C-alpha cells in the first residue's frame, strides 16, 4: 500500500494548489462569474491573500506542509525542534500570506518560548491540515501518527479543537491505509476520546449532510477557517465523495472560503484508499514542486 501513502501526500499538495486560485473567496457567485468550474490549477484571481503566487504553487498552508516534509526527509522522522527551526526560517522573508496564528506563534518564539509552548490559541483547521508528510512516515503506526500529528499542530495552533482534529484525521487516515473505508474509519474514530472538543457531534453533522448540495452544506456549516465550521464540512466531502477524489476537491473549491484546509485533509483520507490513479494527471504535472516533493518522499522510509 506504499503507493497509497505516496498518493495521499501528492493529493494533499494538489488540493492546496487547486484551492489557490479562489482561496478565501466567500461569494461563490464571484467564483462562477470569474472562473467557472475550477477543474485545473490556477493562479490567484484575487491578489489580496496570495499576491506573489503563480499557478501550480501553494497557499501558506501548502508551503508549511512542504517545510514539514523537508524536515521529516532530513531527519528520517518527525523532530519537533528541526521542524520549528525550518518553520521559523520560512517566515523570515516570506512573500506569501502570514495569518494571525503564524504571527502569534512567531511572537512567542521571539519571546523565547519552546516549540511545545509557542502555539497560538487559533482554532483554524489549517494547523491540523499539514499532516500528510507524517502520514507517509507513520501511516502504518497509528499511535505515532496521531502523536506527531498533534505535536506539529500544537506548535502553531495550541487549541483543543485543532489538536483533536489532528488526532482524529490521523486515526482515520491510518485506518484507511490499513484497509478500512473512509466512512467506517470516521465512525470508529469518532468514538475515541478527544479532550474539550465535540468531535463526535461534528462527525455526526458531517455524515448526516451527505444528501445535500455541497455548496449549500458548506455555507450552512460555515466557509471560514475555524474548526467548528471546517471539520464537519470536511467530513461531508469525504463521505459524499468517498469514491471520487476529483469531484470532492472540485466541489470543495467551488464552495468557497477556506477550501485549502478542508481540501488537504479530505484529499489525504480519500487517496489513502483510492490510490494515485484517483488524482487527475494534469494536477500533478502542473505542480511546480512535484519533483522536489517526490525526491523528498524517496528519502523517507514509511
C-alpha atoms as a PDB file:
ATOM      1  CA  UNK A   1       0.000   0.000   0.000  1.00  0.00           C
ATOM      2  CA  UNK A   2       3.023   2.318  -0.278  1.00  0.00           C
ATOM      3  CA  UNK A   3       1.514   3.745  -3.472  1.00  0.00           C
ATOM      4  CA  UNK A   4      -1.478   4.936  -1.474  1.00  0.00           C
ATOM      5  CA  UNK A   5       0.764   6.622   1.089  1.00  0.00           C
ATOM      6  CA  UNK A   6       2.536   8.395  -1.758  1.00  0.00           C
ATOM      7  CA  UNK A   7      -0.803   9.345  -3.285  1.00  0.00           C
ATOM      8  CA  UNK A   8      -2.157  10.935  -0.125  1.00  0.00           C
ATOM      9  CA  UNK A   9       0.833  13.264   0.083  1.00  0.00           C
ATOM     10  CA  UNK A  10       0.624  14.277  -3.564  1.00  0.00           C
ATOM     11  CA  UNK A  11      -3.141  14.700  -3.349  1.00  0.00           C
ATOM     12  CA  UNK A  12      -2.851  16.955  -0.295  1.00  0.00           C
ATOM     13  CA  UNK A  13      -0.453  19.241  -2.143  1.00  0.00           C
ATOM     14  CA  UNK A  14      -2.650  19.171  -5.252  1.00  0.00           C
ATOM     15  CA  UNK A  15      -5.689  20.055  -3.144  1.00  0.00           C
ATOM     16  CA  UNK A  16      -3.942  23.111  -1.747  1.00  0.00           C
ATOM     17  CA  UNK A  17      -2.778  24.203  -5.189  1.00  0.00           C
ATOM     18  CA  UNK A  18      -6.255  23.673  -6.655  1.00  0.00           C
ATOM     19  CA  UNK A  19      -7.661  25.892  -3.909  1.00  0.00           C
ATOM     20  CA  UNK A  20      -5.074  28.624  -4.513  1.00  0.00           C
ATOM     21  CA  UNK A  21      -6.862  30.260  -7.430  1.00  0.00           C
ATOM     22  CA  UNK A  22     -10.002  31.180  -5.491  1.00  0.00           C
ATOM     23  CA  UNK A  23      -8.826  30.717  -1.907  1.00  0.00           C
ATOM     24  CA  UNK A  24     -10.772  32.750   0.643  1.00  0.00           C
ATOM     25  CA  UNK A  25     -13.360  33.949  -1.838  1.00  0.00           C
ATOM     26  CA  UNK A  26     -16.589  33.570   0.121  1.00  0.00           C
ATOM     27  CA  UNK A  27     -19.014  34.797  -2.519  1.00  0.00           C
ATOM     28  CA  UNK A  28     -19.421  31.756  -4.742  1.00  0.00           C
ATOM     29  CA  UNK A  29     -21.085  33.887  -7.414  1.00  0.00           C
ATOM     30  CA  UNK A  30     -17.706  35.565  -7.894  1.00  0.00           C
ATOM     31  CA  UNK A  31     -16.102  32.172  -8.492  1.00  0.00           C
ATOM     32  CA  UNK A  32     -18.783  31.300 -11.035  1.00  0.00           C
ATOM     33  CA  UNK A  33     -18.513  34.616 -12.827  1.00  0.00           C
ATOM     34  CA  UNK A  34     -14.747  34.988 -12.944  1.00  0.00           C
ATOM     35  CA  UNK A  35     -13.604  31.385 -13.310  1.00  0.00           C
ATOM     36  CA  UNK A  36     -16.429  28.923 -13.747  1.00  0.00           C
ATOM     37  CA  UNK A  37     -15.897  25.374 -12.561  1.00  0.00           C
ATOM     38  CA  UNK A  38     -12.392  25.034 -11.111  1.00  0.00           C
ATOM     39  CA  UNK A  39     -11.009  21.793 -12.533  1.00  0.00           C
ATOM     40  CA  UNK A  40      -7.396  22.835 -13.063  1.00  0.00           C
ATOM     41  CA  UNK A  41      -4.717  24.641 -11.108  1.00  0.00           C
ATOM     42  CA  UNK A  42      -4.957  28.444 -11.348  1.00  0.00           C
ATOM     43  CA  UNK A  43      -3.036  31.433 -10.136  1.00  0.00           C
ATOM     44  CA  UNK A  44      -4.944  33.571  -7.625  1.00  0.00           C
ATOM     45  CA  UNK A  45      -7.691  35.649  -9.195  1.00  0.00           C
ATOM     46  CA  UNK A  46      -7.730  37.959  -6.152  1.00  0.00           C
ATOM     47  CA  UNK A  47      -4.344  39.337  -5.096  1.00  0.00           C
ATOM     48  CA  UNK A  48      -5.251  40.186  -1.504  1.00  0.00           C
ATOM     49  CA  UNK A  49      -4.098  36.919   0.063  1.00  0.00           C
ATOM     50  CA  UNK A  50      -1.504  35.274  -2.164  1.00  0.00           C
ATOM     51  CA  UNK A  51      -0.228  38.092  -4.401  1.00  0.00           C
ATOM     52  CA  UNK A  52       3.104  36.503  -5.307  1.00  0.00           C
ATOM     53  CA  UNK A  53       1.880  33.020  -6.089  1.00  0.00           C
ATOM     54  CA  UNK A  54       1.569  31.530  -9.560  1.00  0.00           C
ATOM     55  CA  UNK A  55      -0.324  28.569 -10.987  1.00  0.00           C
ATOM     56  CA  UNK A  56       0.926  25.318  -9.530  1.00  0.00           C
ATOM     57  CA  UNK A  57       2.275  26.885  -6.356  1.00  0.00           C
ATOM     58  CA  UNK A  58       0.839  26.755  -2.834  1.00  0.00           C
ATOM     59  CA  UNK A  59      -1.009  28.797  -0.268  1.00  0.00           C
ATOM     60  CA  UNK A  60       0.722  29.375   3.064  1.00  0.00           C
ATOM     61  CA  UNK A  61      -0.777  26.047   4.191  1.00  0.00           C
ATOM     62  CA  UNK A  62       0.932  24.165   1.391  1.00  0.00           C
ATOM     63  CA  UNK A  63       4.203  25.976   1.969  1.00  0.00           C
ATOM     64  CA  UNK A  64       4.182  24.891   5.623  1.00  0.00           C
ATOM     65  CA  UNK A  65       3.302  21.341   4.630  1.00  0.00           C
ATOM     66  CA  UNK A  66       6.339  21.307   2.355  1.00  0.00           C
ATOM     67  CA  UNK A  67       8.558  22.518   5.210  1.00  0.00           C
ATOM     68  CA  UNK A  68       7.267  19.668   7.373  1.00  0.00           C
ATOM     69  CA  UNK A  69       8.003  17.185   4.586  1.00  0.00           C
ATOM     70  CA  UNK A  70      11.519  18.610   4.206  1.00  0.00           C
ATOM     71  CA  UNK A  71      12.080  18.206   7.922  1.00  0.00           C
ATOM     72  CA  UNK A  72      10.897  14.598   8.002  1.00  0.00           C
ATOM     73  CA  UNK A  73      13.041  13.765   4.963  1.00  0.00           C
ATOM     74  CA  UNK A  74      16.132  15.353   6.530  1.00  0.00           C
ATOM     75  CA  UNK A  75      15.682  13.710   9.933  1.00  0.00           C
ATOM     76  CA  UNK A  76      14.163  10.416   8.840  1.00  0.00           C
ATOM     77  CA  UNK A  77      11.450  11.005  11.417  1.00  0.00           C
ATOM     78  CA  UNK A  78       9.479  13.821  12.989  1.00  0.00           C
ATOM     79  CA  UNK A  79      11.738  16.002  15.108  1.00  0.00           C
ATOM     80  CA  UNK A  80       9.843  18.942  16.563  1.00  0.00           C
ATOM     81  CA  UNK A  81      12.936  21.077  17.100  1.00  0.00           C
ATOM     82  CA  UNK A  82      14.003  20.682  13.475  1.00  0.00           C
ATOM     83  CA  UNK A  83      10.517  21.442  12.179  1.00  0.00           C
ATOM     84  CA  UNK A  84      10.345  24.508  14.425  1.00  0.00           C
ATOM     85  CA  UNK A  85      13.647  25.805  13.093  1.00  0.00           C
ATOM     86  CA  UNK A  86      12.670  25.288   9.468  1.00  0.00           C
ATOM     87  CA  UNK A  87       9.195  26.730  10.038  1.00  0.00           C
ATOM     88  CA  UNK A  88      10.622  29.929  11.538  1.00  0.00           C
ATOM     89  CA  UNK A  89      13.118  30.213   8.686  1.00  0.00           C
ATOM     90  CA  UNK A  90      10.273  30.005   6.160  1.00  0.00           C
ATOM     91  CA  UNK A  91       8.730  33.152   7.567  1.00  0.00           C
ATOM     92  CA  UNK A  92      11.890  35.230   7.914  1.00  0.00           C
ATOM     93  CA  UNK A  93      11.485  36.712   4.434  1.00  0.00           C
ATOM     94  CA  UNK A  94       8.194  35.135   3.416  1.00  0.00           C
ATOM     95  CA  UNK A  95       6.478  36.667   0.398  1.00  0.00           C
ATOM     96  CA  UNK A  96       3.141  34.943   0.979  1.00  0.00           C
ATOM     97  CA  UNK A  97       0.272  35.486   3.365  1.00  0.00           C
ATOM     98  CA  UNK A  98       1.061  35.443   7.085  1.00  0.00           C
ATOM     99  CA  UNK A  99      -2.046  34.640   9.094  1.00  0.00           C
ATOM    100  CA  UNK A 100      -2.794  35.533  12.696  1.00  0.00           C
ATOM    101  CA  UNK A 101      -1.820  32.122  14.042  1.00  0.00           C
ATOM    102  CA  UNK A 102       1.586  32.446  12.405  1.00  0.00           C
ATOM    103  CA  UNK A 103       2.103  35.980  13.707  1.00  0.00           C
ATOM    104  CA  UNK A 104       1.227  34.932  17.254  1.00  0.00           C
ATOM    105  CA  UNK A 105       3.492  31.885  17.101  1.00  0.00           C
ATOM    106  CA  UNK A 106       6.422  33.866  15.723  1.00  0.00           C
ATOM    107  CA  UNK A 107       5.961  36.384  18.535  1.00  0.00           C
ATOM    108  CA  UNK A 108       6.016  33.575  21.098  1.00  0.00           C
ATOM    109  CA  UNK A 109       9.184  32.143  19.586  1.00  0.00           C
ATOM    110  CA  UNK A 110      10.776  35.598  19.654  1.00  0.00           C
ATOM    111  CA  UNK A 111       9.972  35.797  23.359  1.00  0.00           C
ATOM    112  CA  UNK A 112      11.904  32.602  23.960  1.00  0.00           C
ATOM    113  CA  UNK A 113       9.127  30.043  24.173  1.00  0.00           C
ATOM    114  CA  UNK A 114       9.890  26.437  23.240  1.00  0.00           C
ATOM    115  CA  UNK A 115       8.153  24.765  20.286  1.00  0.00           C
ATOM    116  CA  UNK A 116       5.848  22.909  22.663  1.00  0.00           C
ATOM    117  CA  UNK A 117       4.684  26.218  24.147  1.00  0.00           C
ATOM    118  CA  UNK A 118       4.820  28.626  21.202  1.00  0.00           C
ATOM    119  CA  UNK A 119       1.484  27.827  19.596  1.00  0.00           C
ATOM    120  CA  UNK A 120      -1.259  30.405  19.225  1.00  0.00           C
ATOM    121  CA  UNK A 121      -4.787  29.870  20.503  1.00  0.00           C
ATOM    122  CA  UNK A 122      -6.138  29.812  16.944  1.00  0.00           C
ATOM    123  CA  UNK A 123      -8.962  27.387  16.163  1.00  0.00           C
ATOM    124  CA  UNK A 124      -8.178  27.335  12.430  1.00  0.00           C
ATOM    125  CA  UNK A 125      -8.252  23.829  10.947  1.00  0.00           C
ATOM    126  CA  UNK A 126      -5.161  24.690   8.905  1.00  0.00           C
ATOM    127  CA  UNK A 127      -2.974  23.765  11.863  1.00  0.00           C
ATOM    128  CA  UNK A 128      -4.071  20.152  11.526  1.00  0.00           C
ATOM    129  CA  UNK A 129      -4.130  20.112   7.723  1.00  0.00           C
ATOM    130  CA  UNK A 130      -0.325  19.957   7.278  1.00  0.00           C
ATOM    131  CA  UNK A 131      -0.030  16.341   8.408  1.00  0.00           C
ATOM    132  CA  UNK A 132       0.221  14.367   5.134  1.00  0.00           C
ATOM    133  CA  UNK A 133       4.015  14.091   5.363  1.00  0.00           C
ATOM    134  CA  UNK A 134       3.638  12.459   8.753  1.00  0.00           C
ATOM    135  CA  UNK A 135       1.119  10.061   7.265  1.00  0.00           C
ATOM    136  CA  UNK A 136       3.736   8.950   4.759  1.00  0.00           C
ATOM    137  CA  UNK A 137       6.255   8.252   7.521  1.00  0.00           C
ATOM    138  CA  UNK A 138       3.914   6.928  10.227  1.00  0.00           C
ATOM    139  CA  UNK A 139       0.706   5.958   8.453  1.00  0.00           C
ATOM    140  CA  UNK A 140       1.152   2.315   9.394  1.00  0.00           C
ATOM    141  CA  UNK A 141       1.950   3.204  13.027  1.00  0.00           C
ATOM    142  CA  UNK A 142      -1.333   4.744  14.178  1.00  0.00           C
ATOM    143  CA  UNK A 143      -0.178   5.799  17.630  1.00  0.00           C
ATOM    144  CA  UNK A 144       2.929   7.525  16.323  1.00  0.00           C
ATOM    145  CA  UNK A 145       0.997   9.156  13.501  1.00  0.00           C
ATOM    146  CA  UNK A 146      -1.513  10.509  15.990  1.00  0.00           C
ATOM    147  CA  UNK A 147       1.145  11.741  18.394  1.00  0.00           C
ATOM    148  CA  UNK A 148       3.224  13.506  15.752  1.00  0.00           C
ATOM    149  CA  UNK A 149       0.179  14.986  14.021  1.00  0.00           C
ATOM    150  CA  UNK A 150      -0.898  16.540  17.315  1.00  0.00           C
ATOM    151  CA  UNK A 151       2.618  17.747  18.129  1.00  0.00           C
ATOM    152  CA  UNK A 152       3.087  19.519  14.807  1.00  0.00           C
ATOM    153  CA  UNK A 153      -0.322  21.180  15.140  1.00  0.00           C
ATOM    154  CA  UNK A 154       0.331  22.282  18.724  1.00  0.00           C
ATOM    155  CA  UNK A 155       3.431  24.184  17.658  1.00  0.00           C
ATOM    156  CA  UNK A 156       1.292  26.809  15.910  1.00  0.00           C
ATOM    157  CA  UNK A 157      -2.329  26.087  16.926  1.00  0.00           C
ATOM    158  CA  UNK A 158      -2.445  25.137  20.592  1.00  0.00           C
ATOM    159  CA  UNK A 159      -6.203  24.866  20.898  1.00  0.00           C
ATOM    160  CA  UNK A 160      -8.169  21.728  21.876  1.00  0.00           C
ATOM    161  CA  UNK A 161     -10.290  21.876  18.720  1.00  0.00           C
ATOM    162  CA  UNK A 162      -7.258  21.809  16.434  1.00  0.00           C
ATOM    163  CA  UNK A 163      -5.419  19.176  18.449  1.00  0.00           C
ATOM    164  CA  UNK A 164      -8.490  16.936  18.463  1.00  0.00           C
ATOM    165  CA  UNK A 165      -8.849  17.417  14.721  1.00  0.00           C
ATOM    166  CA  UNK A 166      -5.239  16.393  14.169  1.00  0.00           C
ATOM    167  CA  UNK A 167      -5.716  13.272  16.266  1.00  0.00           C
ATOM    168  CA  UNK A 168      -8.979  12.374  14.555  1.00  0.00           C
ATOM    169  CA  UNK A 169      -7.750  12.705  10.977  1.00  0.00           C
ATOM    170  CA  UNK A 170      -4.542  10.835  11.776  1.00  0.00           C
ATOM    171  CA  UNK A 171      -6.545   7.942  13.219  1.00  0.00           C
ATOM    172  CA  UNK A 172      -8.888   7.938  10.240  1.00  0.00           C
ATOM    173  CA  UNK A 173      -6.088   8.035   7.681  1.00  0.00           C
ATOM    174  CA  UNK A 174      -4.167   5.236   9.390  1.00  0.00           C
ATOM    175  CA  UNK A 175      -7.309   3.101   9.420  1.00  0.00           C
ATOM    176  CA  UNK A 176      -7.943   3.772   5.734  1.00  0.00           C
ATOM    177  CA  UNK A 177      -4.350   2.896   4.848  1.00  0.00           C
ATOM    178  CA  UNK A 178      -4.970  -0.310   6.766  1.00  0.00           C
ATOM    179  CA  UNK A 179      -7.931  -1.210   4.561  1.00  0.00           C
ATOM    180  CA  UNK A 180     -10.975   0.481   6.126  1.00  0.00           C
ATOM    181  CA  UNK A 181     -13.393   2.549   4.096  1.00  0.00           C
ATOM    182  CA  UNK A 182     -13.310   6.262   4.946  1.00  0.00           C
ATOM    183  CA  UNK A 183     -16.841   6.438   6.366  1.00  0.00           C
ATOM    184  CA  UNK A 184     -16.287   3.355   8.509  1.00  0.00           C
ATOM    185  CA  UNK A 185     -12.979   4.754   9.741  1.00  0.00           C
ATOM    186  CA  UNK A 186     -14.563   8.110  10.611  1.00  0.00           C
ATOM    187  CA  UNK A 187     -17.395   6.492  12.524  1.00  0.00           C
ATOM    188  CA  UNK A 188     -14.949   4.402  14.540  1.00  0.00           C
ATOM    189  CA  UNK A 189     -12.559   7.279  15.215  1.00  0.00           C
ATOM    190  CA  UNK A 190     -15.463   9.451  16.355  1.00  0.00           C
ATOM    191  CA  UNK A 191     -15.878   7.100  19.301  1.00  0.00           C
ATOM    192  CA  UNK A 192     -12.369   7.793  20.617  1.00  0.00           C
ATOM    193  CA  UNK A 193     -11.719  10.277  23.421  1.00  0.00           C
ATOM    194  CA  UNK A 194     -10.977  13.888  22.492  1.00  0.00           C
ATOM    195  CA  UNK A 195     -10.398  16.408  25.254  1.00  0.00           C
ATOM    196  CA  UNK A 196     -12.569  19.542  25.110  1.00  0.00           C
ATOM    197  CA  UNK A 197     -13.727  19.072  21.523  1.00  0.00           C
ATOM    198  CA  UNK A 198     -17.141  17.802  20.303  1.00  0.00           C
ATOM    199  CA  UNK A 199     -15.638  15.565  17.633  1.00  0.00           C
ATOM    200  CA  UNK A 200     -18.481  13.048  17.708  1.00  0.00           C
ATOM    201  CA  UNK A 201     -21.001  15.821  17.123  1.00  0.00           C
ATOM    202  CA  UNK A 202     -19.019  17.242  14.200  1.00  0.00           C
ATOM    203  CA  UNK A 203     -18.718  13.816  12.594  1.00  0.00           C
ATOM    204  CA  UNK A 204     -22.424  13.172  13.046  1.00  0.00           C
ATOM    205  CA  UNK A 205     -23.267  16.521  11.444  1.00  0.00           C
ATOM    206  CA  UNK A 206     -20.992  15.869   8.501  1.00  0.00           C
ATOM    207  CA  UNK A 207     -22.271  12.363   7.862  1.00  0.00           C
ATOM    208  CA  UNK A 208     -25.898  13.496   8.095  1.00  0.00           C
ATOM    209  CA  UNK A 209     -25.306  16.157   5.447  1.00  0.00           C
ATOM    210  CA  UNK A 210     -24.276  13.970   2.528  1.00  0.00           C
ATOM    211  CA  UNK A 211     -27.663  14.146   0.813  1.00  0.00           C
ATOM    212  CA  UNK A 212     -27.379  17.917   0.477  1.00  0.00           C
ATOM    213  CA  UNK A 213     -25.745  20.115  -2.134  1.00  0.00           C
ATOM    214  CA  UNK A 214     -22.101  20.657  -1.207  1.00  0.00           C
ATOM    215  CA  UNK A 215     -22.111  24.417  -1.690  1.00  0.00           C
ATOM    216  CA  UNK A 216     -25.191  24.902   0.427  1.00  0.00           C
ATOM    217  CA  UNK A 217     -23.980  22.443   3.043  1.00  0.00           C
ATOM    218  CA  UNK A 218     -20.594  24.101   3.492  1.00  0.00           C
ATOM    219  CA  UNK A 219     -22.222  27.516   3.565  1.00  0.00           C
ATOM    220  CA  UNK A 220     -24.509  26.281   6.336  1.00  0.00           C
ATOM    221  CA  UNK A 221     -21.621  24.812   8.350  1.00  0.00           C
ATOM    222  CA  UNK A 222     -19.539  27.922   7.653  1.00  0.00           C
ATOM    223  CA  UNK A 223     -16.968  28.556   4.932  1.00  0.00           C
ATOM    224  CA  UNK A 224     -14.477  30.018   7.388  1.00  0.00           C
ATOM    225  CA  UNK A 225     -11.231  28.631   8.771  1.00  0.00           C
ATOM    226  CA  UNK A 226     -12.447  27.771  12.265  1.00  0.00           C
ATOM    227  CA  UNK A 227     -12.561  24.088  13.130  1.00  0.00           C
ATOM    228  CA  UNK A 228     -16.189  24.079  14.274  1.00  0.00           C
ATOM    229  CA  UNK A 229     -17.183  25.004  10.702  1.00  0.00           C
ATOM    230  CA  UNK A 230     -14.446  23.377   8.629  1.00  0.00           C
ATOM    231  CA  UNK A 231     -14.385  19.998  10.417  1.00  0.00           C
ATOM    232  CA  UNK A 232     -17.973  18.890   9.639  1.00  0.00           C
ATOM    233  CA  UNK A 233     -17.592  20.332   6.132  1.00  0.00           C
ATOM    234  CA  UNK A 234     -14.552  18.104   5.615  1.00  0.00           C
ATOM    235  CA  UNK A 235     -16.487  15.082   6.874  1.00  0.00           C
ATOM    236  CA  UNK A 236     -19.199  15.934   4.331  1.00  0.00           C
ATOM    237  CA  UNK A 237     -16.657  15.956   1.487  1.00  0.00           C
ATOM    238  CA  UNK A 238     -15.115  12.628   2.458  1.00  0.00           C
ATOM    239  CA  UNK A 239     -18.434  10.852   2.979  1.00  0.00           C
ATOM    240  CA  UNK A 240     -20.303  12.271  -0.018  1.00  0.00           C
ATOM    241  CA  UNK A 241     -17.449  11.670  -2.477  1.00  0.00           C
ATOM    242  CA  UNK A 242     -15.921   8.550  -0.946  1.00  0.00           C
ATOM    243  CA  UNK A 243     -15.144   7.105  -4.383  1.00  0.00           C
ATOM    244  CA  UNK A 244     -14.386  10.279  -6.344  1.00  0.00           C
ATOM    245  CA  UNK A 245     -11.413  12.408  -5.297  1.00  0.00           C
ATOM    246  CA  UNK A 246     -11.687  14.847  -8.194  1.00  0.00           C
ATOM    247  CA  UNK A 247     -15.331  15.639  -7.559  1.00  0.00           C
ATOM    248  CA  UNK A 248     -14.667  16.045  -3.833  1.00  0.00           C
ATOM    249  CA  UNK A 249     -11.897  18.573  -4.372  1.00  0.00           C
ATOM    250  CA  UNK A 250     -13.601  20.482  -7.175  1.00  0.00           C
ATOM    251  CA  UNK A 251     -16.826  20.796  -5.200  1.00  0.00           C
ATOM    252  CA  UNK A 252     -14.802  21.837  -2.161  1.00  0.00           C
ATOM    253  CA  UNK A 253     -13.168  24.682  -4.076  1.00  0.00           C
ATOM    254  CA  UNK A 254     -16.457  25.754  -5.623  1.00  0.00           C
ATOM    255  CA  UNK A 255     -17.937  26.061  -2.116  1.00  0.00           C
ATOM    256  CA  UNK A 256     -15.569  28.945  -1.384  1.00  0.00           C
ATOM    257  CA  UNK A 257     -13.950  30.176   1.804  1.00  0.00           C
ATOM    258  CA  UNK A 258     -11.045  28.257   3.328  1.00  0.00           C
ATOM    259  CA  UNK A 259     -11.055  25.497   0.757  1.00  0.00           C
ATOM    260  CA  UNK A 260      -7.387  24.696   1.277  1.00  0.00           C
ATOM    261  CA  UNK A 261      -7.565  23.242   4.798  1.00  0.00           C
ATOM    262  CA  UNK A 262     -10.726  21.265   4.040  1.00  0.00           C
ATOM    263  CA  UNK A 263      -9.292  20.001   0.777  1.00  0.00           C
ATOM    264  CA  UNK A 264      -5.925  18.886   2.112  1.00  0.00           C
ATOM    265  CA  UNK A 265      -7.494  16.704   4.797  1.00  0.00           C
ATOM    266  CA  UNK A 266     -10.191  15.298   2.516  1.00  0.00           C
ATOM    267  CA  UNK A 267      -7.596  14.527  -0.151  1.00  0.00           C
ATOM    268  CA  UNK A 268      -5.376  12.725   2.341  1.00  0.00           C
ATOM    269  CA  UNK A 269      -8.147  10.464   3.598  1.00  0.00           C
ATOM    270  CA  UNK A 270      -9.680   9.714   0.205  1.00  0.00           C
ATOM    271  CA  UNK A 271      -6.434   8.868  -1.608  1.00  0.00           C
ATOM    272  CA  UNK A 272      -5.290   6.705   1.288  1.00  0.00           C
ATOM    273  CA  UNK A 273      -7.973   4.387  -0.074  1.00  0.00           C
ATOM    274  CA  UNK A 274      -8.229   5.287  -3.763  1.00  0.00           C
ATOM    275  CA  UNK A 275      -4.518   5.477  -4.563  1.00  0.00           C
ATOM    276  CA  UNK A 276      -2.580   7.521  -7.135  1.00  0.00           C
ATOM    277  CA  UNK A 277      -4.910   6.776 -10.021  1.00  0.00           C
ATOM    278  CA  UNK A 278      -7.567   8.961  -8.418  1.00  0.00           C
ATOM    279  CA  UNK A 279      -5.509  12.144  -8.839  1.00  0.00           C
ATOM    280  CA  UNK A 280      -6.045  13.914 -12.188  1.00  0.00           C
ATOM    281  CA  UNK A 281      -2.789  13.751 -14.138  1.00  0.00           C
ATOM    282  CA  UNK A 282      -2.814  17.443 -15.007  1.00  0.00           C
ATOM    283  CA  UNK A 283      -2.977  18.407 -11.331  1.00  0.00           C
ATOM    284  CA  UNK A 284       0.248  16.526 -10.718  1.00  0.00           C
ATOM    285  CA  UNK A 285       2.023  17.692 -13.863  1.00  0.00           C
ATOM    286  CA  UNK A 286       1.176  21.314 -13.087  1.00  0.00           C
ATOM    287  CA  UNK A 287       2.545  21.189  -9.528  1.00  0.00           C
ATOM    288  CA  UNK A 288       5.734  23.232  -9.648  1.00  0.00           C
ATOM    289  CA  UNK A 289       7.223  21.454  -6.643  1.00  0.00           C
ATOM    290  CA  UNK A 290       6.345  17.949  -7.826  1.00  0.00           C
ATOM    291  CA  UNK A 291       9.907  16.786  -8.494  1.00  0.00           C
ATOM    292  CA  UNK A 292      11.086  18.216  -5.183  1.00  0.00           C
ATOM    293  CA  UNK A 293       8.253  16.525  -3.282  1.00  0.00           C
ATOM    294  CA  UNK A 294       8.910  13.172  -4.936  1.00  0.00           C
ATOM    295  CA  UNK A 295      12.625  13.464  -4.170  1.00  0.00           C
ATOM    296  CA  UNK A 296      11.844  14.135  -0.520  1.00  0.00           C
ATOM    297  CA  UNK A 297       9.468  11.173  -0.347  1.00  0.00           C
ATOM    298  CA  UNK A 298      12.177   8.922  -1.791  1.00  0.00           C
ATOM    299  CA  UNK A 299      14.319   9.705   1.257  1.00  0.00           C
ATOM    300  CA  UNK A 300      11.664   8.691   3.789  1.00  0.00           C
ATOM    301  CA  UNK A 301      11.191   5.106   4.850  1.00  0.00           C
ATOM    302  CA  UNK A 302       7.486   4.558   5.645  1.00  0.00           C
END
